[in-house]
């Protein structure tokens, strides 16, 4: 008798039939939980079970991990922290560039149901007379995301289409500050690196 053929919901990942019984298996990077059907991610970074070198940061994903290199700030930007680049205002080459670029990382599971709010963005300081515009500056060629303004100083990144993994996506999310009182316009960017896992769990 093939118990696995009775239902596709016996196991979260894969059902393996044996004479008179069956068991569930999980893909590499997961362990089988005590319910004997569900798979849980192994945190390779926490258990030091990864291949990242000393200069890299280990970032845990569902079913795996990423070795993230230190950021490199391109001219005319200078590095001011381990995840932020700044374009000095006194440098003429910075006139039309975002003032800062902040690097952030996140992961989502493959085929996540949509629409899904996946990332929040907010102005840290409010200037009298200023208003803020939030937009995706680059990386959204497949139209899988959009920015929804949620308040005068905040916006949410929304995923609009299910994305199959494994896949790496980089979005530049721009916040434009406009102050009509002092005729000022400037911007800052969050460079969001999204890692889509291979499996939907």
N, C-alpha and C. Protein backbone atom coordinates (compact mmCIF):
# COMPACT_ATOMS: atom_id res chain seq x y z
N UNK A 1 0.84 -1.18 0.00
CA UNK A 1 0.00 0.00 0.00
C UNK A 1 0.89 1.25 0.00
N UNK A 2 0.50 2.23 -0.81
CA UNK A 2 1.28 3.47 -0.90
C UNK A 2 0.57 4.56 -0.10
N UNK A 3 1.00 4.73 1.17
CA UNK A 3 0.37 5.74 2.03
C UNK A 3 0.56 7.14 1.49
N UNK A 4 1.69 7.36 0.83
CA UNK A 4 1.99 8.70 0.32
C UNK A 4 0.97 9.16 -0.72
N UNK A 5 0.35 8.21 -1.41
CA UNK A 5 -0.60 8.57 -2.47
C UNK A 5 -1.96 8.99 -1.90
N UNK A 6 -2.19 8.75 -0.59
CA UNK A 6 -3.49 9.09 0.00
C UNK A 6 -3.69 10.60 0.08
N UNK A 7 -2.63 11.31 0.41
CA UNK A 7 -2.76 12.76 0.61
C UNK A 7 -1.43 13.44 0.36
N UNK A 8 -1.51 14.61 -0.27
CA UNK A 8 -0.29 15.39 -0.49
C UNK A 8 0.07 16.21 0.75
N UNK A 9 -0.78 16.16 1.78
CA UNK A 9 -0.56 16.95 2.99
C UNK A 9 0.05 16.14 4.13
N UNK A 10 0.44 14.90 3.86
CA UNK A 10 1.07 14.08 4.91
C UNK A 10 2.38 14.70 5.37
N UNK A 11 3.13 15.24 4.42
CA UNK A 11 4.46 15.80 4.72
C UNK A 11 4.56 17.21 4.17
N UNK A 12 5.31 18.05 4.87
CA UNK A 12 5.51 19.41 4.38
C UNK A 12 6.36 19.42 3.12
N UNK A 13 7.36 18.52 3.05
CA UNK A 13 8.23 18.51 1.88
C UNK A 13 8.05 17.25 1.03
N UNK A 14 8.54 16.13 1.51
CA UNK A 14 8.51 14.92 0.68
C UNK A 14 8.10 13.71 1.51
N UNK A 15 7.19 12.92 0.94
CA UNK A 15 6.74 11.69 1.58
C UNK A 15 7.47 10.51 0.93
N UNK A 16 8.08 9.67 1.76
CA UNK A 16 8.82 8.50 1.27
C UNK A 16 8.08 7.25 1.72
N UNK A 17 7.62 6.47 0.75
CA UNK A 17 6.84 5.26 1.07
C UNK A 17 7.77 4.10 1.43
N UNK A 18 7.36 3.33 2.46
CA UNK A 18 8.05 2.11 2.85
C UNK A 18 7.01 1.01 3.03
N UNK A 19 7.41 -0.25 2.99
CA UNK A 19 6.43 -1.33 3.17
C UNK A 19 5.68 -1.16 4.49
N UNK A 20 4.38 -0.95 4.39
CA UNK A 20 3.52 -0.84 5.57
C UNK A 20 3.54 0.49 6.27
N UNK A 21 4.34 1.41 5.79
CA UNK A 21 4.41 2.72 6.47
C UNK A 21 4.99 3.77 5.51
N UNK A 22 5.28 4.94 6.04
CA UNK A 22 5.91 6.02 5.27
C UNK A 22 6.68 6.90 6.26
N UNK A 23 7.56 7.73 5.71
CA UNK A 23 8.19 8.75 6.55
C UNK A 23 8.36 10.02 5.74
N UNK A 24 8.52 11.13 6.44
CA UNK A 24 8.70 12.43 5.78
C UNK A 24 10.18 12.80 5.78
N UNK A 25 10.61 13.42 4.69
CA UNK A 25 12.00 13.90 4.63
C UNK A 25 12.01 15.39 4.33
N UNK A 26 13.10 16.03 4.68
CA UNK A 26 13.27 17.46 4.47
C UNK A 26 14.46 17.71 3.54
N UNK A 27 14.44 18.83 2.82
CA UNK A 27 15.59 19.14 1.95
C UNK A 27 16.80 19.53 2.78
N UNK A 28 17.99 19.56 2.16
CA UNK A 28 19.20 20.00 2.88
C UNK A 28 18.98 21.40 3.47
N UNK A 29 19.51 21.60 4.67
CA UNK A 29 19.35 22.89 5.33
C UNK A 29 18.18 22.94 6.30
N UNK A 30 17.43 21.83 6.39
CA UNK A 30 16.28 21.74 7.30
C UNK A 30 16.39 20.48 8.16
N UNK A 31 15.71 20.51 9.31
CA UNK A 31 15.57 19.30 10.12
C UNK A 31 14.08 18.98 10.25
N UNK A 32 13.79 17.69 10.44
CA UNK A 32 12.41 17.25 10.63
C UNK A 32 12.02 17.49 12.09
N UNK A 33 10.88 18.13 12.30
CA UNK A 33 10.42 18.42 13.66
C UNK A 33 9.80 17.19 14.32
N UNK A 34 9.47 17.34 15.61
CA UNK A 34 8.94 16.21 16.39
C UNK A 34 7.60 15.70 15.88
N UNK A 35 6.88 16.53 15.11
CA UNK A 35 5.60 16.04 14.56
C UNK A 35 5.81 15.08 13.40
N UNK A 36 7.09 14.91 13.01
CA UNK A 36 7.48 13.98 11.93
C UNK A 36 6.90 14.33 10.57
N UNK A 37 6.47 15.58 10.38
CA UNK A 37 5.99 15.99 9.06
C UNK A 37 6.51 17.38 8.65
N UNK A 38 6.82 18.24 9.63
CA UNK A 38 7.21 19.62 9.33
C UNK A 38 8.72 19.78 9.31
N UNK A 39 9.17 20.70 8.46
CA UNK A 39 10.60 20.99 8.33
C UNK A 39 10.92 22.35 8.94
N UNK A 40 12.04 22.41 9.66
CA UNK A 40 12.48 23.68 10.24
C UNK A 40 13.88 24.00 9.77
N UNK A 41 14.07 25.28 9.45
CA UNK A 41 15.38 25.74 8.98
C UNK A 41 16.46 25.52 10.04
N UNK A 42 17.64 25.11 9.58
CA UNK A 42 18.82 25.04 10.44
C UNK A 42 19.56 26.37 10.33
N UNK A 43 19.82 27.02 11.45
CA UNK A 43 20.54 28.29 11.42
C UNK A 43 22.05 28.02 11.39
N UNK A 44 22.59 27.95 10.16
CA UNK A 44 24.01 27.64 9.99
C UNK A 44 24.91 28.71 10.61
N UNK A 45 24.45 29.96 10.59
CA UNK A 45 25.26 31.06 11.13
C UNK A 45 25.39 30.93 12.65
N UNK A 46 24.30 30.59 13.31
CA UNK A 46 24.29 30.45 14.77
C UNK A 46 25.14 29.26 15.22
N UNK A 47 25.09 28.18 14.44
CA UNK A 47 25.81 26.96 14.81
C UNK A 47 27.23 26.91 14.21
N UNK A 48 27.66 28.02 13.61
CA UNK A 48 29.00 28.10 13.00
C UNK A 48 29.22 27.01 11.94
N UNK A 49 28.14 26.61 11.29
CA UNK A 49 28.23 25.56 10.27
C UNK A 49 28.12 26.20 8.89
N UNK A 50 29.07 27.08 8.58
CA UNK A 50 29.03 27.81 7.31
C UNK A 50 30.45 27.95 6.75
N UNK A 51 30.53 28.50 5.55
CA UNK A 51 31.83 28.61 4.87
C UNK A 51 32.26 30.06 4.69
N UNK A 52 31.66 30.99 5.44
CA UNK A 52 32.01 32.40 5.29
C UNK A 52 33.40 32.66 5.88
N UNK A 53 34.15 33.54 5.21
CA UNK A 53 35.47 33.91 5.73
C UNK A 53 35.31 35.03 6.76
N UNK A 54 36.39 35.35 7.46
CA UNK A 54 36.36 36.27 8.59
C UNK A 54 35.78 37.64 8.22
N UNK A 55 36.12 38.14 7.01
CA UNK A 55 35.67 39.48 6.62
C UNK A 55 34.19 39.51 6.25
N UNK A 56 33.61 38.35 5.98
CA UNK A 56 32.22 38.30 5.55
C UNK A 56 31.27 38.16 6.74
N UNK A 57 30.01 38.53 6.50
CA UNK A 57 28.96 38.33 7.49
C UNK A 57 28.10 37.16 7.05
N UNK A 58 27.85 36.23 7.96
CA UNK A 58 26.97 35.10 7.66
C UNK A 58 25.53 35.56 7.89
N UNK A 59 24.70 35.38 6.86
CA UNK A 59 23.28 35.77 6.95
C UNK A 59 22.44 34.52 6.75
N UNK A 60 21.67 34.15 7.76
CA UNK A 60 20.87 32.93 7.68
C UNK A 60 19.64 33.12 6.80
N UNK A 61 19.37 32.11 5.96
CA UNK A 61 18.18 32.09 5.10
C UNK A 61 17.40 30.82 5.40
N UNK A 62 16.16 30.77 4.95
CA UNK A 62 15.40 29.52 5.05
C UNK A 62 16.08 28.47 4.17
N UNK A 63 16.64 27.44 4.79
CA UNK A 63 17.27 26.37 4.03
C UNK A 63 18.71 26.61 3.64
N UNK A 64 19.30 27.68 4.13
CA UNK A 64 20.70 27.94 3.75
C UNK A 64 21.23 29.20 4.41
N UNK A 65 22.26 29.77 3.79
CA UNK A 65 22.88 30.98 4.32
C UNK A 65 23.56 31.72 3.18
N UNK A 66 23.86 32.99 3.42
CA UNK A 66 24.60 33.82 2.48
C UNK A 66 25.84 34.36 3.18
N UNK A 67 26.94 34.40 2.46
CA UNK A 67 28.15 35.06 2.95
C UNK A 67 28.18 36.45 2.32
N UNK A 68 27.98 37.46 3.14
CA UNK A 68 27.85 38.82 2.62
C UNK A 68 29.17 39.57 2.79
N UNK A 69 29.67 40.07 1.67
CA UNK A 69 30.93 40.83 1.68
C UNK A 69 30.71 42.20 2.32
N UNK A 70 31.78 42.79 2.88
CA UNK A 70 31.66 44.16 3.40
C UNK A 70 31.27 45.10 2.26
N UNK A 71 30.54 46.16 2.59
CA UNK A 71 30.12 47.09 1.53
C UNK A 71 31.33 47.85 1.01
N UNK A 72 31.22 48.27 -0.26
CA UNK A 72 32.24 49.13 -0.87
C UNK A 72 31.54 50.39 -1.34
N UNK A 73 31.97 51.52 -0.87
CA UNK A 73 31.37 52.78 -1.28
C UNK A 73 32.09 53.29 -2.52
N UNK A 74 31.31 53.52 -3.58
CA UNK A 74 31.89 54.00 -4.84
C UNK A 74 32.04 55.52 -4.79
N UNK A 75 33.08 56.00 -5.46
CA UNK A 75 33.31 57.45 -5.56
C UNK A 75 32.04 58.14 -6.08
N UNK A 76 31.69 59.30 -5.54
CA UNK A 76 32.38 60.10 -4.52
C UNK A 76 31.94 59.78 -3.08
N UNK A 77 31.33 58.62 -2.88
CA UNK A 77 30.84 58.26 -1.53
C UNK A 77 31.99 57.84 -0.61
N UNK A 78 31.79 58.10 0.68
CA UNK A 78 32.73 57.62 1.70
C UNK A 78 31.95 56.75 2.69
N UNK A 79 32.63 55.77 3.27
CA UNK A 79 31.97 54.86 4.20
C UNK A 79 31.96 55.48 5.60
N UNK A 80 30.76 55.53 6.22
CA UNK A 80 30.66 56.12 7.56
C UNK A 80 30.24 55.09 8.61
N UNK A 81 29.84 53.90 8.18
CA UNK A 81 29.58 52.79 9.11
C UNK A 81 29.67 51.50 8.32
N UNK A 82 29.43 50.36 8.98
CA UNK A 82 29.60 49.09 8.27
C UNK A 82 28.50 48.84 7.23
N UNK A 83 27.43 49.66 7.23
CA UNK A 83 26.38 49.46 6.22
C UNK A 83 25.87 50.77 5.61
N UNK A 84 26.68 51.84 5.72
CA UNK A 84 26.21 53.13 5.21
C UNK A 84 27.32 53.90 4.50
N UNK A 85 26.96 54.45 3.33
CA UNK A 85 27.85 55.32 2.57
C UNK A 85 27.24 56.73 2.52
N UNK A 86 28.11 57.74 2.55
CA UNK A 86 27.63 59.12 2.51
C UNK A 86 28.36 59.89 1.42
N UNK A 87 27.62 60.78 0.76
CA UNK A 87 28.20 61.64 -0.26
C UNK A 87 28.38 63.03 0.38
N UNK A 88 29.62 63.45 0.66
CA UNK A 88 29.83 64.71 1.37
C UNK A 88 29.27 65.91 0.60
N UNK A 89 28.50 66.74 1.29
CA UNK A 89 27.83 67.87 0.64
C UNK A 89 28.82 68.83 -0.02
N UNK A 90 30.04 68.92 0.55
CA UNK A 90 31.02 69.87 0.00
C UNK A 90 31.65 69.38 -1.30
N UNK A 91 31.42 68.11 -1.65
CA UNK A 91 31.96 67.56 -2.89
C UNK A 91 31.02 67.90 -4.05
N UNK A 92 31.52 68.63 -5.08
CA UNK A 92 30.64 69.01 -6.20
C UNK A 92 30.01 67.80 -6.90
N UNK A 93 30.69 66.66 -6.88
CA UNK A 93 30.16 65.45 -7.52
C UNK A 93 28.95 64.87 -6.82
N UNK A 94 28.64 65.40 -5.63
CA UNK A 94 27.52 64.88 -4.85
C UNK A 94 26.23 65.67 -5.06
N UNK A 95 26.29 66.70 -5.90
CA UNK A 95 25.15 67.61 -6.03
C UNK A 95 23.85 66.89 -6.41
N UNK A 96 23.92 65.97 -7.35
CA UNK A 96 22.69 65.29 -7.80
C UNK A 96 22.61 63.84 -7.32
N UNK A 97 23.40 63.50 -6.32
CA UNK A 97 23.42 62.13 -5.81
C UNK A 97 22.64 62.04 -4.48
N UNK A 98 22.11 60.85 -4.17
CA UNK A 98 21.52 60.67 -2.83
C UNK A 98 22.57 60.95 -1.76
N UNK A 99 22.15 61.59 -0.66
CA UNK A 99 23.08 61.96 0.41
C UNK A 99 23.67 60.72 1.08
N UNK A 100 22.83 59.72 1.34
CA UNK A 100 23.32 58.48 1.94
C UNK A 100 22.75 57.26 1.21
N UNK A 101 23.51 56.17 1.26
CA UNK A 101 23.04 54.86 0.80
C UNK A 101 23.20 53.90 1.98
N UNK A 102 22.08 53.35 2.44
CA UNK A 102 22.07 52.43 3.57
C UNK A 102 21.79 51.02 3.05
N UNK A 103 22.64 50.07 3.40
CA UNK A 103 22.48 48.68 2.94
C UNK A 103 21.69 47.88 3.97
N UNK A 104 20.66 47.19 3.49
CA UNK A 104 19.86 46.32 4.36
C UNK A 104 19.65 44.98 3.65
N UNK A 105 19.52 43.91 4.44
CA UNK A 105 19.30 42.56 3.89
C UNK A 105 18.04 41.96 4.50
N UNK A 106 17.32 41.19 3.69
CA UNK A 106 16.16 40.46 4.21
C UNK A 106 15.93 39.22 3.35
N UNK A 107 15.17 38.27 3.89
CA UNK A 107 14.85 37.09 3.09
C UNK A 107 13.35 36.85 3.09
N UNK A 108 12.85 36.27 2.00
CA UNK A 108 11.45 35.87 1.88
C UNK A 108 11.40 34.45 1.34
N UNK A 109 10.33 33.74 1.67
CA UNK A 109 10.21 32.36 1.18
C UNK A 109 9.70 32.36 -0.25
N UNK A 110 10.06 31.34 -0.99
CA UNK A 110 9.64 31.18 -2.38
C UNK A 110 8.12 31.07 -2.46
N UNK A 111 7.53 31.80 -3.42
CA UNK A 111 6.10 31.70 -3.66
C UNK A 111 5.23 32.28 -2.57
N UNK A 112 5.77 33.21 -1.79
CA UNK A 112 4.98 33.82 -0.70
C UNK A 112 3.69 34.43 -1.24
N UNK A 113 2.60 34.27 -0.49
CA UNK A 113 1.31 34.79 -0.96
C UNK A 113 1.35 36.31 -1.02
N UNK A 114 0.65 36.86 -1.98
CA UNK A 114 0.67 38.31 -2.22
C UNK A 114 -0.76 38.84 -2.27
N UNK A 115 -0.94 40.18 -2.11
CA UNK A 115 0.10 41.17 -1.81
C UNK A 115 0.62 41.02 -0.38
N UNK A 116 1.90 41.35 -0.20
CA UNK A 116 2.52 41.22 1.12
C UNK A 116 3.36 42.45 1.42
N UNK A 117 3.11 43.05 2.59
CA UNK A 117 3.96 44.15 3.07
C UNK A 117 5.25 43.54 3.60
N UNK A 118 6.38 43.89 3.00
CA UNK A 118 7.61 43.20 3.40
C UNK A 118 8.66 44.12 4.02
N UNK A 119 8.54 45.45 3.85
CA UNK A 119 9.58 46.33 4.38
C UNK A 119 9.01 47.71 4.65
N UNK A 120 9.38 48.30 5.79
CA UNK A 120 8.92 49.64 6.16
C UNK A 120 10.04 50.65 5.97
N UNK A 121 9.66 51.84 5.55
CA UNK A 121 10.64 52.91 5.35
C UNK A 121 10.07 54.18 6.00
N UNK A 122 10.93 54.91 6.71
CA UNK A 122 10.43 56.08 7.43
C UNK A 122 11.50 57.14 7.54
N UNK A 123 11.07 58.41 7.44
CA UNK A 123 12.00 59.53 7.65
C UNK A 123 12.33 59.60 9.13
N UNK A 124 13.60 59.80 9.44
CA UNK A 124 14.01 59.84 10.85
C UNK A 124 13.88 61.24 11.44
N UNK A 125 13.94 62.26 10.58
CA UNK A 125 13.78 63.63 11.07
C UNK A 125 12.74 64.35 10.22
N UNK A 126 11.93 65.17 10.87
CA UNK A 126 10.93 65.96 10.15
C UNK A 126 11.36 67.42 10.15
N UNK A 127 11.33 68.01 8.97
CA UNK A 127 11.67 69.42 8.85
C UNK A 127 10.40 70.22 8.61
N UNK A 128 10.25 71.38 9.27
CA UNK A 128 9.06 72.21 9.03
C UNK A 128 8.95 72.58 7.56
N UNK A 129 7.79 72.36 6.98
CA UNK A 129 7.56 72.71 5.57
C UNK A 129 8.01 71.65 4.59
N UNK A 130 8.59 70.55 5.08
CA UNK A 130 9.09 69.51 4.17
C UNK A 130 8.04 68.43 3.95
N UNK A 131 8.09 67.81 2.77
CA UNK A 131 7.30 66.60 2.55
C UNK A 131 8.19 65.56 1.89
N UNK A 132 7.72 64.33 1.91
CA UNK A 132 8.56 63.20 1.51
C UNK A 132 7.89 62.38 0.42
N UNK A 133 8.69 61.98 -0.56
CA UNK A 133 8.22 61.12 -1.65
C UNK A 133 9.04 59.83 -1.58
N UNK A 134 8.35 58.71 -1.62
CA UNK A 134 9.02 57.40 -1.57
C UNK A 134 8.83 56.70 -2.91
N UNK A 135 9.92 56.14 -3.44
CA UNK A 135 9.81 55.44 -4.73
C UNK A 135 10.89 54.37 -4.85
N UNK A 136 10.63 53.41 -5.76
CA UNK A 136 11.64 52.40 -6.08
C UNK A 136 12.47 52.97 -7.22
N UNK A 137 13.72 53.25 -6.93
CA UNK A 137 14.58 53.91 -7.92
C UNK A 137 15.11 52.92 -8.96
N UNK A 138 15.44 51.70 -8.53
CA UNK A 138 15.95 50.69 -9.48
C UNK A 138 15.74 49.29 -8.93
N UNK A 139 15.80 48.31 -9.84
CA UNK A 139 15.71 46.91 -9.47
C UNK A 139 14.34 46.28 -9.62
N UNK A 140 13.35 47.09 -10.03
CA UNK A 140 11.98 46.59 -10.11
C UNK A 140 11.51 46.42 -11.55
N UNK A 141 12.43 45.96 -12.39
CA UNK A 141 12.09 45.83 -13.82
C UNK A 141 10.95 44.84 -14.05
N UNK A 142 10.82 43.84 -13.19
CA UNK A 142 9.75 42.85 -13.34
C UNK A 142 8.43 43.28 -12.73
N UNK A 143 8.36 44.52 -12.20
CA UNK A 143 7.13 45.06 -11.60
C UNK A 143 6.57 44.13 -10.51
N UNK A 144 7.45 43.61 -9.68
CA UNK A 144 7.03 42.68 -8.62
C UNK A 144 6.79 43.39 -7.29
N UNK A 145 7.11 44.70 -7.25
CA UNK A 145 6.98 45.47 -6.01
C UNK A 145 6.42 46.85 -6.31
N UNK A 146 5.85 47.47 -5.28
CA UNK A 146 5.56 48.90 -5.37
C UNK A 146 5.64 49.51 -3.97
N UNK A 147 5.81 50.84 -3.92
CA UNK A 147 5.87 51.56 -2.65
C UNK A 147 4.50 52.17 -2.37
N UNK A 148 3.97 51.89 -1.18
CA UNK A 148 2.70 52.48 -0.77
C UNK A 148 2.96 53.45 0.37
N UNK A 149 2.65 54.73 0.14
CA UNK A 149 2.86 55.73 1.19
C UNK A 149 1.82 55.48 2.29
N UNK A 150 2.29 55.32 3.53
CA UNK A 150 1.41 54.98 4.64
C UNK A 150 1.19 56.15 5.60
N UNK A 151 1.90 57.24 5.38
CA UNK A 151 1.76 58.42 6.23
C UNK A 151 2.63 59.53 5.67
N UNK A 152 2.62 60.70 6.31
CA UNK A 152 3.41 61.83 5.80
C UNK A 152 4.91 61.54 5.73
N UNK A 153 5.41 60.65 6.63
CA UNK A 153 6.85 60.40 6.67
C UNK A 153 7.20 58.91 6.52
N UNK A 154 6.24 58.11 6.05
CA UNK A 154 6.51 56.67 6.00
C UNK A 154 5.89 56.01 4.77
N UNK A 155 6.47 54.87 4.39
CA UNK A 155 5.96 54.09 3.26
C UNK A 155 6.29 52.62 3.49
N UNK A 156 5.57 51.77 2.78
CA UNK A 156 5.75 50.32 2.89
C UNK A 156 6.05 49.75 1.51
N UNK A 157 7.04 48.85 1.46
CA UNK A 157 7.32 48.12 0.23
C UNK A 157 6.38 46.92 0.17
N UNK A 158 5.63 46.82 -0.92
CA UNK A 158 4.65 45.75 -1.10
C UNK A 158 5.11 44.83 -2.22
N UNK A 159 5.11 43.53 -1.95
CA UNK A 159 5.40 42.54 -2.99
C UNK A 159 4.07 42.19 -3.66
N UNK A 160 4.00 42.34 -4.98
CA UNK A 160 2.73 42.19 -5.69
C UNK A 160 2.60 40.88 -6.45
N UNK A 161 3.72 40.20 -6.67
CA UNK A 161 3.69 38.92 -7.39
C UNK A 161 4.48 37.88 -6.61
N UNK A 162 4.00 36.62 -6.59
CA UNK A 162 4.80 35.58 -5.93
C UNK A 162 6.11 35.38 -6.68
N UNK A 163 7.21 35.29 -5.96
CA UNK A 163 8.52 35.14 -6.59
C UNK A 163 9.07 33.76 -6.26
N UNK A 164 9.43 33.03 -7.31
CA UNK A 164 10.01 31.70 -7.14
C UNK A 164 11.51 31.82 -6.90
N UNK A 165 11.99 31.08 -5.91
CA UNK A 165 13.41 31.08 -5.61
C UNK A 165 14.09 29.82 -6.11
N UNK A 166 15.41 29.68 -5.95
CA UNK A 166 16.25 30.69 -5.29
C UNK A 166 16.54 31.87 -6.21
N UNK A 167 16.54 33.07 -5.63
CA UNK A 167 16.78 34.27 -6.42
C UNK A 167 17.22 35.40 -5.49
N UNK A 168 18.14 36.21 -5.98
CA UNK A 168 18.58 37.40 -5.24
C UNK A 168 18.10 38.64 -5.99
N UNK A 169 17.53 39.57 -5.25
CA UNK A 169 16.99 40.81 -5.83
C UNK A 169 17.60 41.98 -5.09
N UNK A 170 17.97 43.02 -5.82
CA UNK A 170 18.45 44.25 -5.18
C UNK A 170 17.58 45.41 -5.62
N UNK A 171 16.96 46.07 -4.64
CA UNK A 171 16.12 47.24 -4.91
C UNK A 171 16.75 48.47 -4.28
N UNK A 172 16.77 49.58 -5.01
CA UNK A 172 17.14 50.86 -4.43
C UNK A 172 15.85 51.61 -4.10
N UNK A 173 15.57 51.77 -2.81
CA UNK A 173 14.38 52.46 -2.34
C UNK A 173 14.77 53.88 -1.98
N UNK A 174 14.16 54.85 -2.65
CA UNK A 174 14.57 56.24 -2.48
C UNK A 174 13.53 57.04 -1.70
N UNK A 175 14.03 57.82 -0.76
CA UNK A 175 13.18 58.79 -0.06
C UNK A 175 13.65 60.18 -0.45
N UNK A 176 12.77 60.92 -1.11
CA UNK A 176 13.09 62.27 -1.56
C UNK A 176 12.48 63.26 -0.57
N UNK A 177 13.32 64.16 -0.08
CA UNK A 177 12.87 65.21 0.83
C UNK A 177 12.74 66.51 0.04
N UNK A 178 11.55 67.11 0.08
CA UNK A 178 11.31 68.37 -0.63
C UNK A 178 10.88 69.41 0.40
N UNK A 179 11.60 70.52 0.45
CA UNK A 179 11.24 71.62 1.34
C UNK A 179 11.08 72.88 0.51
N UNK A 180 9.83 73.28 0.30
CA UNK A 180 9.56 74.45 -0.55
C UNK A 180 9.91 75.76 0.17
N UNK A 181 9.95 75.73 1.50
CA UNK A 181 10.24 76.95 2.27
C UNK A 181 11.66 77.44 1.99
N UNK A 182 12.62 76.50 2.00
CA UNK A 182 14.02 76.89 1.77
C UNK A 182 14.52 76.41 0.40
N UNK A 183 13.57 76.01 -0.47
CA UNK A 183 13.90 75.57 -1.84
C UNK A 183 14.96 74.46 -1.83
N UNK A 184 14.68 73.42 -1.04
CA UNK A 184 15.62 72.30 -0.91
C UNK A 184 14.99 71.01 -1.43
N UNK A 185 15.83 70.23 -2.12
CA UNK A 185 15.42 68.90 -2.55
C UNK A 185 16.62 67.97 -2.40
N UNK A 186 16.44 66.89 -1.67
CA UNK A 186 17.53 65.93 -1.48
C UNK A 186 16.96 64.54 -1.36
N UNK A 187 17.83 63.55 -1.37
CA UNK A 187 17.33 62.18 -1.27
C UNK A 187 18.31 61.29 -0.52
N UNK A 188 17.77 60.18 -0.05
CA UNK A 188 18.60 59.11 0.52
C UNK A 188 18.05 57.79 0.01
N UNK A 189 18.91 56.77 -0.01
CA UNK A 189 18.55 55.48 -0.60
C UNK A 189 18.79 54.36 0.41
N UNK A 190 17.85 53.43 0.46
CA UNK A 190 18.09 52.15 1.13
C UNK A 190 18.31 51.12 0.03
N UNK A 191 19.48 50.50 0.02
CA UNK A 191 19.78 49.44 -0.96
C UNK A 191 19.40 48.12 -0.31
N UNK A 192 18.21 47.64 -0.67
CA UNK A 192 17.64 46.46 -0.02
C UNK A 192 17.95 45.21 -0.84
N UNK A 193 18.67 44.28 -0.22
CA UNK A 193 19.00 43.02 -0.88
C UNK A 193 18.06 41.95 -0.33
N UNK A 194 17.25 41.39 -1.24
CA UNK A 194 16.22 40.41 -0.86
C UNK A 194 16.66 39.04 -1.37
N UNK A 195 16.72 38.08 -0.46
CA UNK A 195 17.12 36.72 -0.82
C UNK A 195 15.87 35.83 -0.77
N UNK A 196 15.48 35.30 -1.92
CA UNK A 196 14.30 34.44 -2.01
C UNK A 196 14.75 32.99 -1.87
N UNK A 197 14.19 32.28 -0.90
CA UNK A 197 14.61 30.91 -0.64
C UNK A 197 14.13 29.96 -1.73
N UNK A 198 14.68 28.77 -1.75
CA UNK A 198 14.32 27.78 -2.78
C UNK A 198 12.95 27.16 -2.50
N UNK A 199 12.61 27.04 -1.22
CA UNK A 199 11.38 26.33 -0.83
C UNK A 199 10.37 27.29 -0.21
N UNK A 200 9.08 26.93 -0.21
CA UNK A 200 8.05 27.83 0.32
C UNK A 200 7.89 27.76 1.83
N UNK A 201 8.88 27.22 2.54
CA UNK A 201 8.80 27.13 4.01
C UNK A 201 10.16 27.40 4.63
